[in-house]
PDB file of N, CA and C in Angstrom:
ATOM      1  N   UNK A   1      72.878  56.773   7.855  1.00  0.00           N
ATOM      2  CA  UNK A   1      72.147  57.549   8.819  1.00  0.00           C
ATOM      3  C   UNK A   1      72.616  57.143  10.219  1.00  0.00           C
ATOM      4  N   UNK A   2      72.944  58.127  11.009  1.00  0.00           N
ATOM      5  CA  UNK A   2      73.470  57.871  12.355  1.00  0.00           C
ATOM      6  C   UNK A   2      72.324  57.712  13.348  1.00  0.00           C
ATOM      7  N   UNK A   3      72.404  56.699  14.178  1.00  0.00           N
ATOM      8  CA  UNK A   3      71.413  56.485  15.228  1.00  0.00           C
ATOM      9  C   UNK A   3      71.943  57.094  16.519  1.00  0.00           C
ATOM     10  N   UNK A   4      71.065  57.690  17.291  1.00  0.00           N
ATOM     11  CA  UNK A   4      71.469  58.318  18.537  1.00  0.00           C
ATOM     12  C   UNK A   4      71.473  57.289  19.657  1.00  0.00           C
ATOM     13  N   UNK A   5      72.443  57.460  20.569  1.00  0.00           N
ATOM     14  CA  UNK A   5      72.620  56.503  21.645  1.00  0.00           C
ATOM     15  C   UNK A   5      71.483  56.584  22.650  1.00  0.00           C
ATOM     16  N   UNK A   6      71.027  57.779  22.951  1.00  0.00           N
ATOM     17  CA  UNK A   6      69.944  57.908  23.921  1.00  0.00           C
ATOM     18  C   UNK A   6      69.135  59.167  23.637  1.00  0.00           C
ATOM     19  N   UNK A   7      68.078  59.347  24.378  1.00  0.00           N
ATOM     20  CA  UNK A   7      67.209  60.504  24.177  1.00  0.00           C
ATOM     21  C   UNK A   7      67.913  61.804  24.528  1.00  0.00           C
ATOM     22  N   UNK A   8      68.766  61.763  25.540  1.00  0.00           N
ATOM     23  CA  UNK A   8      69.487  62.967  25.966  1.00  0.00           C
ATOM     24  C   UNK A   8      70.307  63.560  24.830  1.00  0.00           C
ATOM     25  N   UNK A   9      70.996  62.712  24.095  1.00  0.00           N
ATOM     26  CA  UNK A   9      71.807  63.172  22.967  1.00  0.00           C
ATOM     27  C   UNK A   9      70.926  63.786  21.884  1.00  0.00           C
ATOM     28  N   UNK A  10      69.787  63.173  21.639  1.00  0.00           N
ATOM     29  CA  UNK A  10      68.856  63.682  20.633  1.00  0.00           C
ATOM     30  C   UNK A  10      68.272  65.029  21.069  1.00  0.00           C
ATOM     31  N   UNK A  11      67.912  65.154  22.350  1.00  0.00           N
ATOM     32  CA  UNK A  11      67.361  66.418  22.859  1.00  0.00           C
ATOM     33  C   UNK A  11      68.403  67.519  22.778  1.00  0.00           C
ATOM     34  N   UNK A  12      69.633  67.207  23.137  1.00  0.00           N
ATOM     35  CA  UNK A  12      70.708  68.204  23.069  1.00  0.00           C
ATOM     36  C   UNK A  12      70.937  68.668  21.638  1.00  0.00           C
ATOM     37  N   UNK A  13      70.897  67.766  20.698  1.00  0.00           N
ATOM     38  CA  UNK A  13      71.085  68.116  19.292  1.00  0.00           C
ATOM     39  C   UNK A  13      69.924  69.018  18.823  1.00  0.00           C
ATOM     40  N   UNK A  14      68.712  68.738  19.286  1.00  0.00           N
ATOM     41  CA  UNK A  14      67.544  69.556  18.917  1.00  0.00           C
ATOM     42  C   UNK A  14      67.682  70.962  19.489  1.00  0.00           C
ATOM     43  N   UNK A  15      68.178  71.072  20.715  1.00  0.00           N
ATOM     44  CA  UNK A  15      68.350  72.392  21.340  1.00  0.00           C
ATOM     45  C   UNK A  15      69.368  73.245  20.598  1.00  0.00           C
ATOM     46  N   UNK A  16      70.354  72.619  19.984  1.00  0.00           N
ATOM     47  CA  UNK A  16      71.379  73.353  19.250  1.00  0.00           C
ATOM     48  C   UNK A  16      70.885  73.843  17.894  1.00  0.00           C
ATOM     49  N   UNK A  17      69.747  73.341  17.462  1.00  0.00           N
ATOM     50  CA  UNK A  17      69.210  73.783  16.173  1.00  0.00           C
ATOM     51  C   UNK A  17      68.757  75.237  16.235  1.00  0.00           C
ATOM     52  N   UNK A  18      68.814  75.895  15.114  1.00  0.00           N
ATOM     53  CA  UNK A  18      68.292  77.261  15.044  1.00  0.00           C
ATOM     54  C   UNK A  18      66.773  77.202  14.973  1.00  0.00           C
ATOM     55  N   UNK A  19      66.119  78.338  15.125  1.00  0.00           N
ATOM     56  CA  UNK A  19      64.665  78.396  15.026  1.00  0.00           C
ATOM     57  C   UNK A  19      64.205  77.919  13.651  1.00  0.00           C
ATOM     58  N   UNK A  20      64.965  78.246  12.645  1.00  0.00           N
ATOM     59  CA  UNK A  20      64.617  77.816  11.277  1.00  0.00           C
ATOM     60  C   UNK A  20      64.707  76.299  11.152  1.00  0.00           C
ATOM     61  N   UNK A  21      65.710  75.709  11.755  1.00  0.00           N
ATOM     62  CA  UNK A  21      65.875  74.257  11.715  1.00  0.00           C
ATOM     63  C   UNK A  21      64.738  73.549  12.441  1.00  0.00           C
ATOM     64  N   UNK A  22      64.330  74.108  13.599  1.00  0.00           N
ATOM     65  CA  UNK A  22      63.207  73.534  14.341  1.00  0.00           C
ATOM     66  C   UNK A  22      61.919  73.648  13.541  1.00  0.00           C
ATOM     67  N   UNK A  23      61.730  74.776  12.876  1.00  0.00           N
ATOM     68  CA  UNK A  23      60.524  74.972  12.060  1.00  0.00           C
ATOM     69  C   UNK A  23      60.496  73.962  10.917  1.00  0.00           C
ATOM     70  N   UNK A  24      61.660  73.712  10.285  1.00  0.00           N
ATOM     71  CA  UNK A  24      61.717  72.728   9.197  1.00  0.00           C
ATOM     72  C   UNK A  24      61.341  71.345   9.692  1.00  0.00           C
ATOM     73  N   UNK A  25      61.865  70.976  10.867  1.00  0.00           N
ATOM     74  CA  UNK A  25      61.543  69.659  11.428  1.00  0.00           C
ATOM     75  C   UNK A  25      60.059  69.565  11.730  1.00  0.00           C
ATOM     76  N   UNK A  26      59.483  70.600  12.347  1.00  0.00           N
ATOM     77  CA  UNK A  26      58.051  70.607  12.659  1.00  0.00           C
ATOM     78  C   UNK A  26      57.217  70.512  11.392  1.00  0.00           C
ATOM     79  N   UNK A  27      57.615  71.257  10.350  1.00  0.00           N
ATOM     80  CA  UNK A  27      56.883  71.200   9.077  1.00  0.00           C
ATOM     81  C   UNK A  27      56.964  69.821   8.450  1.00  0.00           C
ATOM     82  N   UNK A  28      58.130  69.190   8.533  1.00  0.00           N
ATOM     83  CA  UNK A  28      58.289  67.850   7.972  1.00  0.00           C
ATOM     84  C   UNK A  28      57.424  66.842   8.725  1.00  0.00           C
ATOM     85  N   UNK A  29      57.386  66.969  10.053  1.00  0.00           N
ATOM     86  CA  UNK A  29      56.547  66.068  10.850  1.00  0.00           C
ATOM     87  C   UNK A  29      55.084  66.274  10.501  1.00  0.00           C
ATOM     88  N   UNK A  30      54.642  67.539  10.399  1.00  0.00           N
ATOM     89  CA  UNK A  30      53.256  67.833  10.031  1.00  0.00           C
ATOM     90  C   UNK A  30      52.911  67.241   8.670  1.00  0.00           C
ATOM     91  N   UNK A  31      53.827  67.389   7.730  1.00  0.00           N
ATOM     92  CA  UNK A  31      53.606  66.860   6.379  1.00  0.00           C
ATOM     93  C   UNK A  31      53.472  65.342   6.409  1.00  0.00           C
ATOM     94  N   UNK A  32      54.343  64.677   7.145  1.00  0.00           N
ATOM     95  CA  UNK A  32      54.278  63.220   7.227  1.00  0.00           C
ATOM     96  C   UNK A  32      52.997  62.758   7.911  1.00  0.00           C
ATOM     97  N   UNK A  33      52.553  63.485   8.924  1.00  0.00           N
ATOM     98  CA  UNK A  33      51.305  63.137   9.594  1.00  0.00           C
ATOM     99  C   UNK A  33      50.110  63.291   8.655  1.00  0.00           C
ATOM    100  N   UNK A  34      50.107  64.342   7.852  1.00  0.00           N
ATOM    101  CA  UNK A  34      49.022  64.542   6.882  1.00  0.00           C
ATOM    102  C   UNK A  34      49.007  63.422   5.836  1.00  0.00           C
ATOM    103  N   UNK A  35      50.198  63.068   5.365  1.00  0.00           N
ATOM    104  CA  UNK A  35      50.301  61.993   4.378  1.00  0.00           C
ATOM    105  C   UNK A  35      49.781  60.686   4.976  1.00  0.00           C
ATOM    106  N   UNK A  36      50.176  60.387   6.220  1.00  0.00           N
ATOM    107  CA  UNK A  36      49.694  59.173   6.887  1.00  0.00           C
ATOM    108  C   UNK A  36      48.177  59.199   7.028  1.00  0.00           C
ATOM    109  N   UNK A  37      47.615  60.354   7.373  1.00  0.00           N
ATOM    110  CA  UNK A  37      46.164  60.475   7.523  1.00  0.00           C
ATOM    111  C   UNK A  37      45.461  60.234   6.185  1.00  0.00           C
ATOM    112  N   UNK A  38      46.026  60.763   5.103  1.00  0.00           N
ATOM    113  CA  UNK A  38      45.436  60.559   3.773  1.00  0.00           C
ATOM    114  C   UNK A  38      45.491  59.086   3.368  1.00  0.00           C
ATOM    115  N   UNK A  39      46.610  58.452   3.624  1.00  0.00           N
ATOM    116  CA  UNK A  39      46.762  57.034   3.280  1.00  0.00           C
ATOM    117  C   UNK A  39      45.758  56.203   4.086  1.00  0.00           C
ATOM    118  N   UNK A  40      45.603  56.511   5.360  1.00  0.00           N
ATOM    119  CA  UNK A  40      44.657  55.800   6.207  1.00  0.00           C
ATOM    120  C   UNK A  40      43.233  56.000   5.708  1.00  0.00           C
ATOM    121  N   UNK A  41      42.889  57.236   5.359  1.00  0.00           N
ATOM    122  CA  UNK A  41      41.540  57.528   4.864  1.00  0.00           C
ATOM    123  C   UNK A  41      41.262  56.774   3.564  1.00  0.00           C
ATOM    124  N   UNK A  42      42.243  56.727   2.658  1.00  0.00           N
ATOM    125  CA  UNK A  42      42.065  55.997   1.394  1.00  0.00           C
ATOM    126  C   UNK A  42      41.882  54.502   1.648  1.00  0.00           C
ATOM    127  N   UNK A  43      42.671  53.958   2.577  1.00  0.00           N
ATOM    128  CA  UNK A  43      42.564  52.536   2.900  1.00  0.00           C
ATOM    129  C   UNK A  43      41.204  52.222   3.512  1.00  0.00           C
ATOM    130  N   UNK A  44      40.733  53.082   4.419  1.00  0.00           N
ATOM    131  CA  UNK A  44      39.435  52.853   5.037  1.00  0.00           C
ATOM    132  C   UNK A  44      38.306  52.962   4.018  1.00  0.00           C
ATOM    133  N   UNK A  45      38.411  53.901   3.101  1.00  0.00           N
ATOM    134  CA  UNK A  45      37.392  54.048   2.050  1.00  0.00           C
ATOM    135  C   UNK A  45      37.370  52.808   1.157  1.00  0.00           C
ATOM    136  N   UNK A  46      38.568  52.312   0.821  1.00  0.00           N
ATOM    137  CA  UNK A  46      38.659  51.106   0.000  1.00  0.00           C
ATOM    138  C   UNK A  46      38.056  49.902   0.731  1.00  0.00           C
ATOM    139  N   UNK A  47      38.344  49.791   2.029  1.00  0.00           N
ATOM    140  CA  UNK A  47      37.777  48.700   2.820  1.00  0.00           C
ATOM    141  C   UNK A  47      36.257  48.804   2.864  1.00  0.00           C
ATOM    142  N   UNK A  48      35.747  50.020   3.079  1.00  0.00           N
ATOM    143  CA  UNK A  48      34.302  50.219   3.161  1.00  0.00           C
ATOM    144  C   UNK A  48      33.625  49.810   1.861  1.00  0.00           C
ATOM    145  N   UNK A  49      34.222  50.205   0.719  1.00  0.00           N
ATOM    146  CA  UNK A  49      33.663  49.819  -0.586  1.00  0.00           C
ATOM    147  C   UNK A  49      33.689  48.304  -0.759  1.00  0.00           C
ATOM    148  N   UNK A  50      34.783  47.678  -0.341  1.00  0.00           N
ATOM    149  CA  UNK A  50      34.892  46.229  -0.454  1.00  0.00           C
ATOM    150  C   UNK A  50      33.869  45.507   0.402  1.00  0.00           C
ATOM    151  N   UNK A  51      33.651  45.999   1.607  1.00  0.00           N
ATOM    152  CA  UNK A  51      32.670  45.387   2.501  1.00  0.00           C
ATOM    153  C   UNK A  51      31.265  45.553   1.942  1.00  0.00           C
ATOM    154  N   UNK A  52      30.955  46.751   1.429  1.00  0.00           N
ATOM    155  CA  UNK A  52      29.632  46.980   0.817  1.00  0.00           C
ATOM    156  C   UNK A  52      29.410  46.046  -0.369  1.00  0.00           C
ATOM    157  N   UNK A  53      30.425  45.901  -1.217  1.00  0.00           N
ATOM    158  CA  UNK A  53      30.302  45.020  -2.378  1.00  0.00           C
ATOM    159  C   UNK A  53      30.108  43.570  -1.941  1.00  0.00           C
ATOM    160  N   UNK A  54      30.829  43.160  -0.898  1.00  0.00           N
ATOM    161  CA  UNK A  54      30.709  41.791  -0.407  1.00  0.00           C
ATOM    162  C   UNK A  54      29.313  41.551   0.166  1.00  0.00           C
ATOM    163  N   UNK A  55      28.778  42.525   0.895  1.00  0.00           N
ATOM    164  CA  UNK A  55      27.434  42.373   1.469  1.00  0.00           C
ATOM    165  C   UNK A  55      26.389  42.288   0.365  1.00  0.00           C
ATOM    166  N   UNK A  56      26.559  43.077  -0.692  1.00  0.00           N
ATOM    167  CA  UNK A  56      25.625  43.006  -1.830  1.00  0.00           C
ATOM    168  C   UNK A  56      25.696  41.648  -2.508  1.00  0.00           C
ATOM    169  N   UNK A  57      26.888  41.046  -2.481  1.00  0.00           N
ATOM    170  CA  UNK A  57      27.073  39.728  -3.090  1.00  0.00           C
ATOM    171  C   UNK A  57      26.602  38.607  -2.165  1.00  0.00           C
ATOM    172  N   UNK A  58      26.173  38.964  -0.952  1.00  0.00           N
ATOM    173  CA  UNK A  58      25.627  37.961  -0.046  1.00  0.00           C
ATOM    174  C   UNK A  58      26.612  37.364   0.936  1.00  0.00           C
ATOM    175  N   UNK A  59      27.797  37.952   1.053  1.00  0.00           N
ATOM    176  CA  UNK A  59      28.780  37.438   1.996  1.00  0.00           C
ATOM    177  C   UNK A  59      28.338  37.801   3.413  1.00  0.00           C
ATOM    178  N   UNK A  60      28.352  36.823   4.311  1.00  0.00           N
ATOM    179  CA  UNK A  60      27.970  37.040   5.704  1.00  0.00           C
ATOM    180  C   UNK A  60      29.233  37.231   6.534  1.00  0.00           C
ATOM    181  N   UNK A  61      29.232  38.256   7.368  1.00  0.00           N
ATOM    182  CA  UNK A  61      30.365  38.505   8.252  1.00  0.00           C
ATOM    183  C   UNK A  61      30.058  37.983   9.644  1.00  0.00           C
ATOM    184  N   UNK A  62      31.077  37.549  10.349  1.00  0.00           N
ATOM    185  CA  UNK A  62      30.919  37.077  11.711  1.00  0.00           C
ATOM    186  C   UNK A  62      30.579  35.607  11.773  1.00  0.00           C
ATOM    187  N   UNK A  63      30.457  35.163  12.980  1.00  0.00           N
ATOM    188  CA  UNK A  63      30.151  33.756  13.220  1.00  0.00           C
ATOM    189  C   UNK A  63      28.672  33.510  12.917  1.00  0.00           C
ATOM    190  N   UNK A  64      28.348  32.419  12.236  1.00  0.00           N
ATOM    191  CA  UNK A  64      26.938  32.148  11.929  1.00  0.00           C
ATOM    192  C   UNK A  64      26.140  31.862  13.197  1.00  0.00           C
ATOM    193  N   UNK A  65      24.870  32.263  13.200  1.00  0.00           N
ATOM    194  CA  UNK A  65      24.013  32.018  14.347  1.00  0.00           C
ATOM    195  C   UNK A  65      23.683  30.536  14.435  1.00  0.00           C
ATOM    196  N   UNK A  66      23.569  30.062  15.670  1.00  0.00           N
ATOM    197  CA  UNK A  66      23.194  28.673  15.908  1.00  0.00           C
ATOM    198  C   UNK A  66      21.699  28.551  15.629  1.00  0.00           C
ATOM    199  N   UNK A  67      21.328  27.519  14.894  1.00  0.00           N
ATOM    200  CA  UNK A  67      19.909  27.340  14.597  1.00  0.00           C
ATOM    201  C   UNK A  67      19.183  26.800  15.822  1.00  0.00           C
ATOM    202  N   UNK A  68      17.906  27.079  15.887  1.00  0.00           N
ATOM    203  CA  UNK A  68      17.089  26.648  17.016  1.00  0.00           C
ATOM    204  C   UNK A  68      16.946  25.126  16.963  1.00  0.00           C
ATOM    205  N   UNK A  69      17.236  24.439  18.067  1.00  0.00           N
ATOM    206  CA  UNK A  69      17.124  22.972  18.089  1.00  0.00           C
ATOM    207  C   UNK A  69      15.674  22.530  17.877  1.00  0.00           C
ATOM    208  N   UNK A  70      15.521  21.346  17.344  1.00  0.00           N
ATOM    209  CA  UNK A  70      14.175  20.815  17.068  1.00  0.00           C
ATOM    210  C   UNK A  70      13.360  20.623  18.343  1.00  0.00           C
ATOM    211  N   UNK A  71      14.029  20.289  19.435  1.00  0.00           N
ATOM    212  CA  UNK A  71      13.311  20.049  20.684  1.00  0.00           C
ATOM    213  C   UNK A  71      13.191  21.312  21.542  1.00  0.00           C
ATOM    214  N   UNK A  72      13.354  22.467  20.949  1.00  0.00           N
ATOM    215  CA  UNK A  72      13.325  23.740  21.674  1.00  0.00           C
ATOM    216  C   UNK A  72      12.037  23.923  22.476  1.00  0.00           C
ATOM    217  N   UNK A  73      10.895  23.759  21.815  1.00  0.00           N
ATOM    218  CA  UNK A  73       9.608  24.021  22.473  1.00  0.00           C
ATOM    219  C   UNK A  73       9.427  23.171  23.728  1.00  0.00           C
ATOM    220  N   UNK A  74       9.719  21.900  23.626  1.00  0.00           N
ATOM    221  CA  UNK A  74       9.522  20.970  24.739  1.00  0.00           C
ATOM    222  C   UNK A  74      10.479  21.297  25.889  1.00  0.00           C
ATOM    223  N   UNK A  75      11.772  21.399  25.567  1.00  0.00           N
ATOM    224  CA  UNK A  75      12.785  21.628  26.598  1.00  0.00           C
ATOM    225  C   UNK A  75      12.627  23.026  27.205  1.00  0.00           C
ATOM    226  N   UNK A  76      12.312  24.010  26.385  1.00  0.00           N
ATOM    227  CA  UNK A  76      12.122  25.369  26.885  1.00  0.00           C
ATOM    228  C   UNK A  76      10.955  25.408  27.876  1.00  0.00           C
ATOM    229  N   UNK A  77       9.863  24.730  27.554  1.00  0.00           N
ATOM    230  CA  UNK A  77       8.703  24.683  28.450  1.00  0.00           C
ATOM    231  C   UNK A  77       9.070  24.017  29.780  1.00  0.00           C
ATOM    232  N   UNK A  78       9.858  22.938  29.716  1.00  0.00           N
ATOM    233  CA  UNK A  78      10.296  22.269  30.934  1.00  0.00           C
ATOM    234  C   UNK A  78      11.168  23.204  31.781  1.00  0.00           C
ATOM    235  N   UNK A  79      12.047  23.919  31.112  1.00  0.00           N
ATOM    236  CA  UNK A  79      12.953  24.826  31.809  1.00  0.00           C
ATOM    237  C   UNK A  79      12.171  25.969  32.467  1.00  0.00           C
ATOM    238  N   UNK A  80      11.236  26.560  31.742  1.00  0.00           N
ATOM    239  CA  UNK A  80      10.457  27.669  32.269  1.00  0.00           C
ATOM    240  C   UNK A  80       9.512  27.212  33.385  1.00  0.00           C
ATOM    241  N   UNK A  81       9.080  25.974  33.328  1.00  0.00           N
ATOM    242  CA  UNK A  81       8.237  25.420  34.397  1.00  0.00           C
ATOM    243  C   UNK A  81       9.092  25.000  35.592  1.00  0.00           C
ATOM    244  N   UNK A  82      10.396  25.171  35.488  1.00  0.00           N
ATOM    245  CA  UNK A  82      11.380  24.825  36.512  1.00  0.00           C
ATOM    246  C   UNK A  82      11.406  23.327  36.821  1.00  0.00           C
ATOM    247  N   UNK A  83      11.074  22.535  35.797  1.00  0.00           N
ATOM    248  CA  UNK A  83      11.208  21.084  35.933  1.00  0.00           C
ATOM    249  C   UNK A  83      12.668  20.665  35.771  1.00  0.00           C
ATOM    250  N   UNK A  84      13.422  21.452  34.981  1.00  0.00           N
ATOM    251  CA  UNK A  84      14.846  21.190  34.761  1.00  0.00           C
ATOM    252  C   UNK A  84      15.600  22.509  34.904  1.00  0.00           C
ATOM    253  N   UNK A  85      16.909  22.404  35.115  1.00  0.00           N
ATOM    254  CA  UNK A  85      17.742  23.603  35.253  1.00  0.00           C
ATOM    255  C   UNK A  85      18.190  24.071  33.870  1.00  0.00           C
ATOM    256  N   UNK A  86      18.767  25.254  33.832  1.00  0.00           N
ATOM    257  CA  UNK A  86      19.289  25.777  32.571  1.00  0.00           C
ATOM    258  C   UNK A  86      20.405  24.891  32.039  1.00  0.00           C
ATOM    259  N   UNK A  87      21.230  24.384  32.935  1.00  0.00           N
ATOM    260  CA  UNK A  87      22.309  23.484  32.513  1.00  0.00           C
ATOM    261  C   UNK A  87      21.743  22.222  31.857  1.00  0.00           C
ATOM    262  N   UNK A  88      20.714  21.660  32.461  1.00  0.00           N
ATOM    263  CA  UNK A  88      20.106  20.453  31.904  1.00  0.00           C
ATOM    264  C   UNK A  88      19.420  20.750  30.569  1.00  0.00           C
ATOM    265  N   UNK A  89      18.740  21.894  30.491  1.00  0.00           N
ATOM    266  CA  UNK A  89      18.075  22.271  29.237  1.00  0.00           C
ATOM    267  C   UNK A  89      19.094  22.439  28.117  1.00  0.00           C
ATOM    268  N   UNK A  90      20.179  23.117  28.425  1.00  0.00           N
ATOM    269  CA  UNK A  90      21.222  23.324  27.416  1.00  0.00           C
ATOM    270  C   UNK A  90      21.816  21.989  26.977  1.00  0.00           C
ATOM    271  N   UNK A  91      22.042  21.101  27.920  1.00  0.00           N
ATOM    272  CA  UNK A  91      22.610  19.790  27.591  1.00  0.00           C
ATOM    273  C   UNK A  91      21.649  18.987  26.718  1.00  0.00           C
ATOM    274  N   UNK A  92      20.362  19.032  27.030  1.00  0.00           N
ATOM    275  CA  UNK A  92      19.376  18.298  26.219  1.00  0.00           C
ATOM    276  C   UNK A  92      19.318  18.811  24.787  1.00  0.00           C
ATOM    277  N   UNK A  93      19.525  20.122  24.632  1.00  0.00           N
ATOM    278  CA  UNK A  93      19.467  20.710  23.288  1.00  0.00           C
ATOM    279  C   UNK A  93      20.805  20.671  22.565  1.00  0.00           C
ATOM    280  N   UNK A  94      21.869  20.348  23.295  1.00  0.00           N
ATOM    281  CA  UNK A  94      23.188  20.268  22.677  1.00  0.00           C
ATOM    282  C   UNK A  94      23.801  21.639  22.420  1.00  0.00           C
ATOM    283  N   UNK A  95      23.480  22.603  23.278  1.00  0.00           N
ATOM    284  CA  UNK A  95      24.033  23.956  23.151  1.00  0.00           C
ATOM    285  C   UNK A  95      24.597  24.367  24.510  1.00  0.00           C
ATOM    286  N   UNK A  96      25.335  25.467  24.526  1.00  0.00           N
ATOM    287  CA  UNK A  96      25.857  25.961  25.793  1.00  0.00           C
ATOM    288  C   UNK A  96      24.780  26.747  26.529  1.00  0.00           C
ATOM    289  N   UNK A  97      25.012  26.969  27.816  1.00  0.00           N
ATOM    290  CA  UNK A  97      24.050  27.708  28.616  1.00  0.00           C
ATOM    291  C   UNK A  97      23.947  29.159  28.118  1.00  0.00           C
ATOM    292  N   UNK A  98      25.072  29.743  27.726  1.00  0.00           N
ATOM    293  CA  UNK A  98      25.063  31.110  27.194  1.00  0.00           C
ATOM    294  C   UNK A  98      24.240  31.179  25.912  1.00  0.00           C
ATOM    295  N   UNK A  99      24.365  30.171  25.070  1.00  0.00           N
ATOM    296  CA  UNK A  99      23.585  30.118  23.834  1.00  0.00           C
ATOM    297  C   UNK A  99      22.107  29.955  24.149  1.00  0.00           C
ATOM    298  N   UNK A 100      21.785  29.196  25.182  1.00  0.00           N
ATOM    299  CA  UNK A 100      20.399  29.034  25.609  1.00  0.00           C
ATOM    300  C   UNK A 100      19.795  30.394  25.961  1.00  0.00           C
ATOM    301  N   UNK A 101      20.499  31.166  26.778  1.00  0.00           N
ATOM    302  CA  UNK A 101      19.999  32.479  27.177  1.00  0.00           C
ATOM    303  C   UNK A 101      19.911  33.436  25.978  1.00  0.00           C
ATOM    304  N   UNK A 102      20.930  33.389  25.111  1.00  0.00           N
ATOM    305  CA  UNK A 102      20.938  34.243  23.922  1.00  0.00           C
ATOM    306  C   UNK A 102      19.772  33.890  23.004  1.00  0.00           C
ATOM    307  N   UNK A 103      19.528  32.586  22.840  1.00  0.00           N
ATOM    308  CA  UNK A 103      18.441  32.114  21.989  1.00  0.00           C
ATOM    309  C   UNK A 103      17.078  32.503  22.580  1.00  0.00           C
ATOM    310  N   UNK A 104      16.961  32.407  23.903  1.00  0.00           N
ATOM    311  CA  UNK A 104      15.715  32.795  24.562  1.00  0.00           C
ATOM    312  C   UNK A 104      15.427  34.276  24.293  1.00  0.00           C
ATOM    313  N   UNK A 105      16.449  35.095  24.423  1.00  0.00           N
ATOM    314  CA  UNK A 105      16.289  36.536  24.173  1.00  0.00           C
ATOM    315  C   UNK A 105      15.884  36.789  22.720  1.00  0.00           C
ATOM    316  N   UNK A 106      16.559  36.065  21.801  1.00  0.00           N
ATOM    317  CA  UNK A 106      16.251  36.226  20.379  1.00  0.00           C
ATOM    318  C   UNK A 106      14.829  35.784  20.084  1.00  0.00           C
ATOM    319  N   UNK A 107      14.386  34.689  20.697  1.00  0.00           N
ATOM    320  CA  UNK A 107      13.037  34.179  20.456  1.00  0.00           C
ATOM    321  C   UNK A 107      11.989  35.108  21.054  1.00  0.00           C
ATOM    322  N   UNK A 108      12.267  35.676  22.223  1.00  0.00           N
ATOM    323  CA  UNK A 108      11.315  36.597  22.838  1.00  0.00           C
ATOM    324  C   UNK A 108      11.145  37.857  22.002  1.00  0.00           C
ATOM    325  N   UNK A 109      12.209  38.283  21.347  1.00  0.00           N
ATOM    326  CA  UNK A 109      12.144  39.486  20.514  1.00  0.00           C
ATOM    327  C   UNK A 109      11.504  39.217  19.156  1.00  0.00           C
ATOM    328  N   UNK A 110      11.384  37.947  18.782  1.00  0.00           N
ATOM    329  CA  UNK A 110      10.755  37.622  17.504  1.00  0.00           C
ATOM    330  C   UNK A 110       9.254  37.478  17.710  1.00  0.00           C
ATOM    331  N   UNK A 111       8.525  37.275  16.651  1.00  0.00           N
ATOM    332  CA  UNK A 111       7.069  37.168  16.709  1.00  0.00           C
ATOM    333  C   UNK A 111       6.589  35.829  17.271  1.00  0.00           C
ATOM    334  N   UNK A 112       7.463  34.871  17.448  1.00  0.00           N
ATOM    335  CA  UNK A 112       7.068  33.531  17.875  1.00  0.00           C
ATOM    336  C   UNK A 112       6.427  33.552  19.262  1.00  0.00           C
ATOM    337  N   UNK A 113       7.015  34.317  20.215  1.00  0.00           N
ATOM    338  CA  UNK A 113       6.538  34.303  21.580  1.00  0.00           C
ATOM    339  C   UNK A 113       5.535  35.406  21.885  1.00  0.00           C
ATOM    340  N   UNK A 114       5.259  36.306  20.954  1.00  0.00           N
ATOM    341  CA  UNK A 114       4.369  37.405  21.231  1.00  0.00           C
ATOM    342  C   UNK A 114       2.913  37.012  20.955  1.00  0.00           C
ATOM    343  N   UNK A 115       2.076  37.319  21.891  1.00  0.00           N
ATOM    344  CA  UNK A 115       0.649  37.011  21.767  1.00  0.00           C
ATOM    345  C   UNK A 115       0.036  37.967  20.759  1.00  0.00           C
ATOM    346  N   UNK A 116      -0.867  37.500  19.872  1.00  0.00           N
ATOM    347  CA  UNK A 116      -1.459  38.364  18.852  1.00  0.00           C
ATOM    348  C   UNK A 116      -2.159  39.605  19.420  1.00  0.00           C
ATOM    349  N   UNK A 117      -2.751  39.491  20.608  1.00  0.00           N
ATOM    350  CA  UNK A 117      -3.467  40.621  21.183  1.00  0.00           C
ATOM    351  C   UNK A 117      -2.496  41.698  21.699  1.00  0.00           C
ATOM    352  N   UNK A 118      -1.250  41.321  21.973  1.00  0.00           N
ATOM    353  CA  UNK A 118      -0.275  42.257  22.525  1.00  0.00           C
ATOM    354  C   UNK A 118       0.288  43.165  21.449  1.00  0.00           C
ATOM    355  N   UNK A 119       0.313  42.700  20.208  1.00  0.00           N
ATOM    356  CA  UNK A 119       0.895  43.493  19.122  1.00  0.00           C
ATOM    357  C   UNK A 119       0.180  44.768  19.017  1.00  0.00           C
TER     358      UNK A 119
END
C-alpha cells in the first residue's frame, strides 16, 4: 500500500476520481463508521453488564470514604465555637482540611445533626 507524501497529493488524487469512485469511498467510510459504532455499543453494553454484576456481588467502585474520627464530636465543637481553626481541627483528627469540610457536609446531611423537631 502506497503512502502519500502530503495532503495536497491526496486531495489531487481524490479530485481525479470519478463521481462513482467518490461515492464508493464515501460508502466505505460510512460503512466503517457504522461498524465502529456497533463495536463501541457492544463494548459499552458488555461493560455495563459487568459493572452491574460486580455491584450485585458487592464490589465497591471509587476511593473508600474516610471514616469519622473518634474525636469528631469534641474537635468539631471546638472548631465551630471558633476555639481552634480548621487547620488545627483537621490536624487533631488526622485528616486534611478538605476532608474536614467534606465530612462536615456529609454529617450535616445525615440524621446525626438534625434536630428531631425539624424533621
